[in-house]
Amino acid sequence: MAKQFARIAKDITMAVKSGGSDPASNPILRRVIQNARAVNMPKDKVEAAIKRAAGRDAANYQQVLYEAYAPHGVALLVETATDNPTRTVASVRHLITKGGGNLATNGSVSFLFNKMGVFRLNPAGIDQDDLELYLIDHGLEEMGESSDEKGEPQIVIRCAFVDFGRLQEALEARTISPLSAEHEYICTVPTELPEEQATEVLAVIDKLEQDEDVQKVFHTLA
């Protein structure tokens, strides 16, 4: 939970610096606040993070995406938000090489993923067939059902990332507030591994996700 809150706080900082501290005029900040609610981040913590981000002493984070291979040829995209890229790349390299993988050059892994906008909705009161027909005209590519960690049902909709804003506006026009709205790198060529090797890969991913500069890790493990 603490890691999730720290990730959201960084997202808030970057959103405020790029578009201001008023959610009404900053759609990126609105989206981050929705994501904060999705992980049950308290309202006072969200407001405090916005206030800090608008202050003169707020950290200047930059997003850096690292491409890598975990052991057994599994491709990784490691998304970071950092105020010290030198520190971050050293830490990411150490964790990956210690786990039996290696950093890769730009472009050597990213072609295995599609960057997509992903919205998760509460299905209550939604006519899914009607919504799907409506959203097709606003960039919808995929729509399906899933569940959260507690087993609660969700509607998951995906679009090409270039259509993210268009789809967000379409949902807002229908007064639908997503449970979360984020981008994800969706694997196009999954890697099948036996359980023992898959466990080694997941251990590397877990170590990376615990690093303070790492926001998300995407992989090709099936």
C-alpha atoms as a PDB file:
ATOM      1  CA  MET A   1       0.000   0.000   0.000  1.00  0.00           C
ATOM      2  CA  ALA A   2       2.807   2.417   0.869  1.00  0.00           C
ATOM      3  CA  LYS A   3       4.435   1.724  -2.505  1.00  0.00           C
ATOM      4  CA  GLN A   4       1.145   2.415  -4.314  1.00  0.00           C
ATOM      5  CA  PHE A   5       0.705   5.699  -2.450  1.00  0.00           C
ATOM      6  CA  ALA A   6       4.281   6.741  -3.280  1.00  0.00           C
ATOM      7  CA  ARG A   7       3.682   5.973  -6.976  1.00  0.00           C
ATOM      8  CA  ILE A   8       0.469   8.017  -7.000  1.00  0.00           C
ATOM      9  CA  ALA A   9       2.207  10.911  -5.207  1.00  0.00           C
ATOM     10  CA  LYS A  10       4.846  11.035  -7.951  1.00  0.00           C
ATOM     11  CA  ASP A  11       2.129  10.923 -10.613  1.00  0.00           C
ATOM     12  CA  ILE A  12       0.405  13.838  -8.869  1.00  0.00           C
ATOM     13  CA  THR A  13       3.649  15.837  -8.816  1.00  0.00           C
ATOM     14  CA  MET A  14       4.222  15.318 -12.542  1.00  0.00           C
ATOM     15  CA  ALA A  15       0.574  16.073 -13.371  1.00  0.00           C
ATOM     16  CA  VAL A  16       0.544  19.315 -11.363  1.00  0.00           C
ATOM     17  CA  LYS A  17       3.842  20.497 -12.851  1.00  0.00           C
ATOM     18  CA  SER A  18       2.588  19.851 -16.382  1.00  0.00           C
ATOM     19  CA  GLY A  19      -0.945  21.227 -16.056  1.00  0.00           C
ATOM     20  CA  GLY A  20      -1.556  22.984 -12.755  1.00  0.00           C
ATOM     21  CA  SER A  21      -3.171  22.057  -9.452  1.00  0.00           C
ATOM     22  CA  ASP A  22      -6.844  22.449 -10.438  1.00  0.00           C
ATOM     23  CA  PRO A  23      -8.367  19.090 -11.456  1.00  0.00           C
ATOM     24  CA  ALA A  24     -11.173  20.889 -13.317  1.00  0.00           C
ATOM     25  CA  SER A  25      -8.713  22.241 -15.881  1.00  0.00           C
ATOM     26  CA  ASN A  26      -6.126  19.443 -15.705  1.00  0.00           C
ATOM     27  CA  PRO A  27      -7.428  16.128 -17.120  1.00  0.00           C
ATOM     28  CA  ILE A  28      -4.182  14.327 -16.256  1.00  0.00           C
ATOM     29  CA  LEU A  29      -4.571  15.307 -12.602  1.00  0.00           C
ATOM     30  CA  ARG A  30      -8.231  14.222 -12.662  1.00  0.00           C
ATOM     31  CA  ARG A  31      -7.131  10.826 -13.905  1.00  0.00           C
ATOM     32  CA  VAL A  32      -4.445  10.478 -11.224  1.00  0.00           C
ATOM     33  CA  ILE A  33      -6.960  11.402  -8.509  1.00  0.00           C
ATOM     34  CA  GLN A  34      -9.249   8.647  -9.821  1.00  0.00           C
ATOM     35  CA  ASN A  35      -6.357   6.205  -9.601  1.00  0.00           C
ATOM     36  CA  ALA A  36      -5.672   7.364  -6.048  1.00  0.00           C
ATOM     37  CA  ARG A  37      -9.241   6.474  -5.105  1.00  0.00           C
ATOM     38  CA  ALA A  38      -8.807   3.057  -6.751  1.00  0.00           C
ATOM     39  CA  VAL A  39      -5.984   2.195  -4.307  1.00  0.00           C
ATOM     40  CA  ASN A  40      -7.883   3.748  -1.360  1.00  0.00           C
ATOM     41  CA  MET A  41      -5.422   6.609  -0.906  1.00  0.00           C
ATOM     42  CA  PRO A  42      -6.975   8.904   1.733  1.00  0.00           C
ATOM     43  CA  LYS A  43      -8.347  12.226   0.482  1.00  0.00           C
ATOM     44  CA  ASP A  44      -6.135  14.214   2.862  1.00  0.00           C
ATOM     45  CA  LYS A  45      -3.027  12.500   1.477  1.00  0.00           C
ATOM     46  CA  VAL A  46      -4.095  13.318  -2.074  1.00  0.00           C
ATOM     47  CA  GLU A  47      -4.716  16.964  -1.183  1.00  0.00           C
ATOM     48  CA  ALA A  48      -1.378  17.168   0.632  1.00  0.00           C
ATOM     49  CA  ALA A  49       0.416  15.697  -2.398  1.00  0.00           C
ATOM     50  CA  ILE A  50      -1.218  18.286  -4.692  1.00  0.00           C
ATOM     51  CA  LYS A  51      -0.201  21.097  -2.336  1.00  0.00           C
ATOM     52  CA  ARG A  52       3.397  19.823  -2.173  1.00  0.00           C
ATOM     53  CA  ALA A  53       3.534  19.466  -5.948  1.00  0.00           C
ATOM     54  CA  ALA A  54       2.453  23.086  -6.399  1.00  0.00           C
ATOM     55  CA  GLY A  55       5.149  24.309  -4.000  1.00  0.00           C
ATOM     56  CA  ARG A  56       8.452  25.829  -4.952  1.00  0.00           C
ATOM     57  CA  ASP A  57      10.459  22.954  -3.474  1.00  0.00           C
ATOM     58  CA  ALA A  58       8.630  20.134  -5.268  1.00  0.00           C
ATOM     59  CA  ALA A  59      10.899  17.500  -6.808  1.00  0.00           C
ATOM     60  CA  ASN A  60      11.354  17.508 -10.569  1.00  0.00           C
ATOM     61  CA  TYR A  61      10.632  13.957 -11.670  1.00  0.00           C
ATOM     62  CA  GLN A  62      11.225  12.712 -15.168  1.00  0.00           C
ATOM     63  CA  GLN A  63       9.858   9.516 -16.617  1.00  0.00           C
ATOM     64  CA  VAL A  64      12.475   7.120 -17.949  1.00  0.00           C
ATOM     65  CA  LEU A  65      11.641   3.790 -19.585  1.00  0.00           C
ATOM     66  CA  TYR A  66      14.283   1.059 -19.461  1.00  0.00           C
ATOM     67  CA  GLU A  67      14.270  -1.970 -21.736  1.00  0.00           C
ATOM     68  CA  ALA A  68      15.712  -5.204 -20.411  1.00  0.00           C
ATOM     69  CA  TYR A  69      15.697  -8.965 -20.404  1.00  0.00           C
ATOM     70  CA  ALA A  70      14.951 -10.997 -17.320  1.00  0.00           C
ATOM     71  CA  PRO A  71      16.404 -14.524 -17.149  1.00  0.00           C
ATOM     72  CA  HIS A  72      15.175 -17.069 -19.727  1.00  0.00           C
ATOM     73  CA  GLY A  73      14.616 -14.414 -22.407  1.00  0.00           C
ATOM     74  CA  VAL A  74      11.589 -12.678 -20.877  1.00  0.00           C
ATOM     75  CA  ALA A  75      11.418  -9.070 -22.080  1.00  0.00           C
ATOM     76  CA  LEU A  76      10.890  -6.269 -19.557  1.00  0.00           C
ATOM     77  CA  LEU A  77       9.875  -2.627 -19.750  1.00  0.00           C
ATOM     78  CA  VAL A  78      10.727  -0.850 -16.506  1.00  0.00           C
ATOM     79  CA  GLU A  79       8.920   2.463 -16.114  1.00  0.00           C
ATOM     80  CA  THR A  80      10.488   4.869 -13.635  1.00  0.00           C
ATOM     81  CA  ALA A  81       9.883   8.360 -12.266  1.00  0.00           C
ATOM     82  CA  THR A  82      13.115   9.807 -10.958  1.00  0.00           C
ATOM     83  CA  ASP A  83      14.856  12.988  -9.903  1.00  0.00           C
ATOM     84  CA  ASN A  84      18.236  11.276 -10.365  1.00  0.00           C
ATOM     85  CA  PRO A  85      18.493   9.111 -13.524  1.00  0.00           C
ATOM     86  CA  THR A  86      22.109   8.164 -12.740  1.00  0.00           C
ATOM     87  CA  ARG A  87      21.024   6.591  -9.454  1.00  0.00           C
ATOM     88  CA  THR A  88      18.009   4.948 -11.060  1.00  0.00           C
ATOM     89  CA  VAL A  89      19.776   3.277 -13.980  1.00  0.00           C
ATOM     90  CA  ALA A  90      22.470   1.929 -11.630  1.00  0.00           C
ATOM     91  CA  SER A  91      19.820   0.454  -9.335  1.00  0.00           C
ATOM     92  CA  VAL A  92      17.751  -1.036 -12.174  1.00  0.00           C
ATOM     93  CA  ARG A  93      20.865  -2.539 -13.803  1.00  0.00           C
ATOM     94  CA  HIS A  94      22.005  -4.036 -10.496  1.00  0.00           C
ATOM     95  CA  LEU A  95      18.653  -5.675  -9.746  1.00  0.00           C
ATOM     96  CA  ILE A  96      18.329  -7.129 -13.241  1.00  0.00           C
ATOM     97  CA  THR A  97      21.880  -8.441 -13.593  1.00  0.00           C
ATOM     98  CA  LYS A  98      21.808  -9.878 -10.067  1.00  0.00           C
ATOM     99  CA  GLY A  99      18.704 -11.814 -11.109  1.00  0.00           C
ATOM    100  CA  GLY A 100      20.357 -13.231 -14.221  1.00  0.00           C
ATOM    101  CA  GLY A 101      19.144 -10.727 -16.814  1.00  0.00           C
ATOM    102  CA  ASN A 102      20.587  -7.691 -18.547  1.00  0.00           C
ATOM    103  CA  LEU A 103      19.668  -4.172 -19.647  1.00  0.00           C
ATOM    104  CA  ALA A 104      18.930  -3.891 -23.357  1.00  0.00           C
ATOM    105  CA  THR A 105      19.370  -1.103 -25.885  1.00  0.00           C
ATOM    106  CA  ASN A 106      16.492   1.216 -26.777  1.00  0.00           C
ATOM    107  CA  GLY A 107      14.117  -0.413 -29.241  1.00  0.00           C
ATOM    108  CA  SER A 108      15.302  -3.969 -28.697  1.00  0.00           C
ATOM    109  CA  VAL A 109      12.343  -4.868 -26.452  1.00  0.00           C
ATOM    110  CA  SER A 110       9.664  -2.211 -26.881  1.00  0.00           C
ATOM    111  CA  PHE A 111       8.489  -3.609 -30.236  1.00  0.00           C
ATOM    112  CA  LEU A 112       7.119  -6.597 -28.299  1.00  0.00           C
ATOM    113  CA  PHE A 113       4.539  -4.356 -26.589  1.00  0.00           C
ATOM    114  CA  ASN A 114       1.658  -2.103 -27.573  1.00  0.00           C
ATOM    115  CA  LYS A 115       1.180   1.022 -25.457  1.00  0.00           C
ATOM    116  CA  MET A 116      -2.530   1.270 -24.711  1.00  0.00           C
ATOM    117  CA  GLY A 117      -4.903   3.291 -22.600  1.00  0.00           C
ATOM    118  CA  VAL A 118      -6.679   1.068 -20.081  1.00  0.00           C
ATOM    119  CA  PHE A 119      -9.831   2.081 -18.199  1.00  0.00           C
ATOM    120  CA  ARG A 120     -11.460  -0.012 -15.477  1.00  0.00           C
ATOM    121  CA  LEU A 121     -15.126   0.632 -14.719  1.00  0.00           C
ATOM    122  CA  ASN A 122     -17.644  -0.468 -12.111  1.00  0.00           C
ATOM    123  CA  PRO A 123     -20.218  -2.442 -14.162  1.00  0.00           C
ATOM    124  CA  ALA A 124     -23.148  -1.437 -11.918  1.00  0.00           C
ATOM    125  CA  GLY A 125     -25.801   0.386 -13.933  1.00  0.00           C
ATOM    126  CA  ILE A 126     -23.897   0.157 -17.225  1.00  0.00           C
ATOM    127  CA  ASP A 127     -25.456  -1.307 -20.368  1.00  0.00           C
ATOM    128  CA  GLN A 128     -22.280  -2.850 -21.756  1.00  0.00           C
ATOM    129  CA  ASP A 129     -23.569  -3.379 -25.298  1.00  0.00           C
ATOM    130  CA  ASP A 130     -24.732   0.234 -25.530  1.00  0.00           C
ATOM    131  CA  LEU A 131     -21.477   1.548 -24.052  1.00  0.00           C
ATOM    132  CA  GLU A 132     -19.387  -0.528 -26.438  1.00  0.00           C
ATOM    133  CA  LEU A 133     -21.250   0.796 -29.488  1.00  0.00           C
ATOM    134  CA  TYR A 134     -20.850   4.358 -28.202  1.00  0.00           C
ATOM    135  CA  LEU A 135     -17.129   4.050 -27.455  1.00  0.00           C
ATOM    136  CA  ILE A 136     -16.214   2.453 -30.791  1.00  0.00           C
ATOM    137  CA  ASP A 137     -16.539   5.921 -32.313  1.00  0.00           C
ATOM    138  CA  HIS A 138     -14.104   7.271 -29.711  1.00  0.00           C
ATOM    139  CA  GLY A 139     -11.200   4.878 -30.160  1.00  0.00           C
ATOM    140  CA  LEU A 140     -12.288   1.737 -28.314  1.00  0.00           C
ATOM    141  CA  GLU A 141     -10.267  -1.323 -29.370  1.00  0.00           C
ATOM    142  CA  GLU A 142     -11.089  -3.932 -26.719  1.00  0.00           C
ATOM    143  CA  MET A 143     -13.750  -4.341 -24.054  1.00  0.00           C
ATOM    144  CA  GLY A 144     -14.153  -7.209 -21.630  1.00  0.00           C
ATOM    145  CA  GLU A 145     -14.806  -8.279 -18.058  1.00  0.00           C
ATOM    146  CA  SER A 146     -12.322  -8.863 -15.272  1.00  0.00           C
ATOM    147  CA  SER A 147     -12.155  -8.643 -11.470  1.00  0.00           C
ATOM    148  CA  ASP A 148     -10.019  -6.769  -8.956  1.00  0.00           C
ATOM    149  CA  GLU A 149      -7.861  -8.264  -6.196  1.00  0.00           C
ATOM    150  CA  LYS A 150     -10.933  -8.708  -4.007  1.00  0.00           C
ATOM    151  CA  GLY A 151     -12.852 -10.507  -6.740  1.00  0.00           C
ATOM    152  CA  GLU A 152     -15.150  -7.557  -7.470  1.00  0.00           C
ATOM    153  CA  PRO A 153     -16.261  -7.441 -11.138  1.00  0.00           C
ATOM    154  CA  GLN A 154     -14.883  -4.767 -13.463  1.00  0.00           C
ATOM    155  CA  ILE A 155     -15.297  -3.729 -17.070  1.00  0.00           C
ATOM    156  CA  VAL A 156     -11.915  -3.300 -18.746  1.00  0.00           C
ATOM    157  CA  ILE A 157     -11.694  -1.178 -21.883  1.00  0.00           C
ATOM    158  CA  ARG A 158      -8.586  -0.524 -23.960  1.00  0.00           C
ATOM    159  CA  CYS A 159      -7.664   1.905 -26.699  1.00  0.00           C
ATOM    160  CA  ALA A 160      -4.546   2.918 -28.590  1.00  0.00           C
ATOM    161  CA  PHE A 161      -2.663   5.350 -26.375  1.00  0.00           C
ATOM    162  CA  VAL A 162      -3.061   8.169 -28.908  1.00  0.00           C
ATOM    163  CA  ASP A 163      -6.845   7.887 -28.315  1.00  0.00           C
ATOM    164  CA  PHE A 164      -6.547   7.994 -24.510  1.00  0.00           C
ATOM    165  CA  GLY A 165      -7.806  11.571 -24.136  1.00  0.00           C
ATOM    166  CA  ARG A 166     -10.628  11.034 -26.621  1.00  0.00           C
ATOM    167  CA  LEU A 167     -11.894   7.974 -24.754  1.00  0.00           C
ATOM    168  CA  GLN A 168     -11.555   9.716 -21.383  1.00  0.00           C
ATOM    169  CA  GLU A 169     -13.662  12.631 -22.657  1.00  0.00           C
ATOM    170  CA  ALA A 170     -16.256  10.201 -24.051  1.00  0.00           C
ATOM    171  CA  LEU A 171     -16.625   8.543 -20.637  1.00  0.00           C
ATOM    172  CA  GLU A 172     -16.882  11.930 -18.931  1.00  0.00           C
ATOM    173  CA  ALA A 173     -19.638  12.913 -21.391  1.00  0.00           C
ATOM    174  CA  ARG A 174     -21.570   9.870 -20.191  1.00  0.00           C
ATOM    175  CA  THR A 175     -20.804  10.884 -16.548  1.00  0.00           C
ATOM    176  CA  ILE A 176     -18.914   7.612 -16.070  1.00  0.00           C
ATOM    177  CA  SER A 177     -16.039   7.897 -13.573  1.00  0.00           C
ATOM    178  CA  PRO A 178     -13.536   5.071 -14.131  1.00  0.00           C
ATOM    179  CA  LEU A 179     -12.219   3.154 -11.154  1.00  0.00           C
ATOM    180  CA  SER A 180      -8.809   3.710 -12.741  1.00  0.00           C
ATOM    181  CA  ALA A 181      -7.444   5.105 -15.982  1.00  0.00           C
ATOM    182  CA  GLU A 182      -3.835   4.408 -16.886  1.00  0.00           C
ATOM    183  CA  HIS A 183      -1.551   3.443 -19.727  1.00  0.00           C
ATOM    184  CA  GLU A 184      -0.152  -0.066 -19.962  1.00  0.00           C
ATOM    185  CA  TYR A 185       2.284  -1.793 -22.269  1.00  0.00           C
ATOM    186  CA  ILE A 186       0.430  -4.869 -23.487  1.00  0.00           C
ATOM    187  CA  CYS A 187       2.605  -7.809 -24.509  1.00  0.00           C
ATOM    188  CA  THR A 188       2.087  -9.040 -28.083  1.00  0.00           C
ATOM    189  CA  VAL A 189       4.376 -12.111 -27.970  1.00  0.00           C
ATOM    190  CA  PRO A 190       4.091 -13.922 -24.603  1.00  0.00           C
ATOM    191  CA  THR A 191       6.898 -16.166 -23.358  1.00  0.00           C
ATOM    192  CA  GLU A 192       5.894 -19.580 -21.996  1.00  0.00           C
ATOM    193  CA  LEU A 193       8.141 -20.960 -19.230  1.00  0.00           C
ATOM    194  CA  PRO A 194       8.012 -23.922 -16.851  1.00  0.00           C
ATOM    195  CA  GLU A 195       7.064 -23.027 -13.287  1.00  0.00           C
ATOM    196  CA  GLU A 196      10.587 -23.037 -11.844  1.00  0.00           C
ATOM    197  CA  GLN A 197      11.929 -20.632 -14.480  1.00  0.00           C
ATOM    198  CA  ALA A 198       8.829 -18.440 -14.280  1.00  0.00           C
ATOM    199  CA  THR A 199       9.375 -18.140 -10.530  1.00  0.00           C
ATOM    200  CA  GLU A 200      12.911 -16.835 -11.148  1.00  0.00           C
ATOM    201  CA  VAL A 201      11.553 -14.193 -13.527  1.00  0.00           C
ATOM    202  CA  LEU A 202       8.821 -13.132 -11.096  1.00  0.00           C
ATOM    203  CA  ALA A 203      11.439 -12.740  -8.349  1.00  0.00           C
ATOM    204  CA  VAL A 204      13.321 -10.208 -10.513  1.00  0.00           C
ATOM    205  CA  ILE A 205      10.100  -8.346 -11.303  1.00  0.00           C
ATOM    206  CA  ASP A 206       9.204  -8.240  -7.595  1.00  0.00           C
ATOM    207  CA  LYS A 207      12.613  -6.775  -6.689  1.00  0.00           C
ATOM    208  CA  LEU A 208      12.246  -4.111  -9.374  1.00  0.00           C
ATOM    209  CA  GLU A 209       8.744  -3.172  -8.241  1.00  0.00           C
ATOM    210  CA  GLN A 210      10.057  -2.582  -4.725  1.00  0.00           C
ATOM    211  CA  ASP A 211      12.618  -0.024  -5.923  1.00  0.00           C
ATOM    212  CA  GLU A 212      11.586   3.503  -4.920  1.00  0.00           C
ATOM    213  CA  ASP A 213      12.126   4.923  -8.425  1.00  0.00           C
ATOM    214  CA  VAL A 214      10.197   2.203 -10.276  1.00  0.00           C
ATOM    215  CA  GLN A 215       6.560   2.966 -11.065  1.00  0.00           C
ATOM    216  CA  LYS A 216       5.604  -0.163 -13.041  1.00  0.00           C
ATOM    217  CA  VAL A 217       7.161  -3.211 -14.654  1.00  0.00           C
ATOM    218  CA  PHE A 218       5.692  -4.743 -17.812  1.00  0.00           C
ATOM    219  CA  HIS A 219       6.795  -8.173 -19.069  1.00  0.00           C
ATOM    220  CA  THR A 220       6.196 -10.839 -21.690  1.00  0.00           C
ATOM    221  CA  LEU A 221       5.868 -13.754 -19.266  1.00  0.00           C
ATOM    222  CA  ALA A 222       2.702 -15.670 -20.124  1.00  0.00           C
END
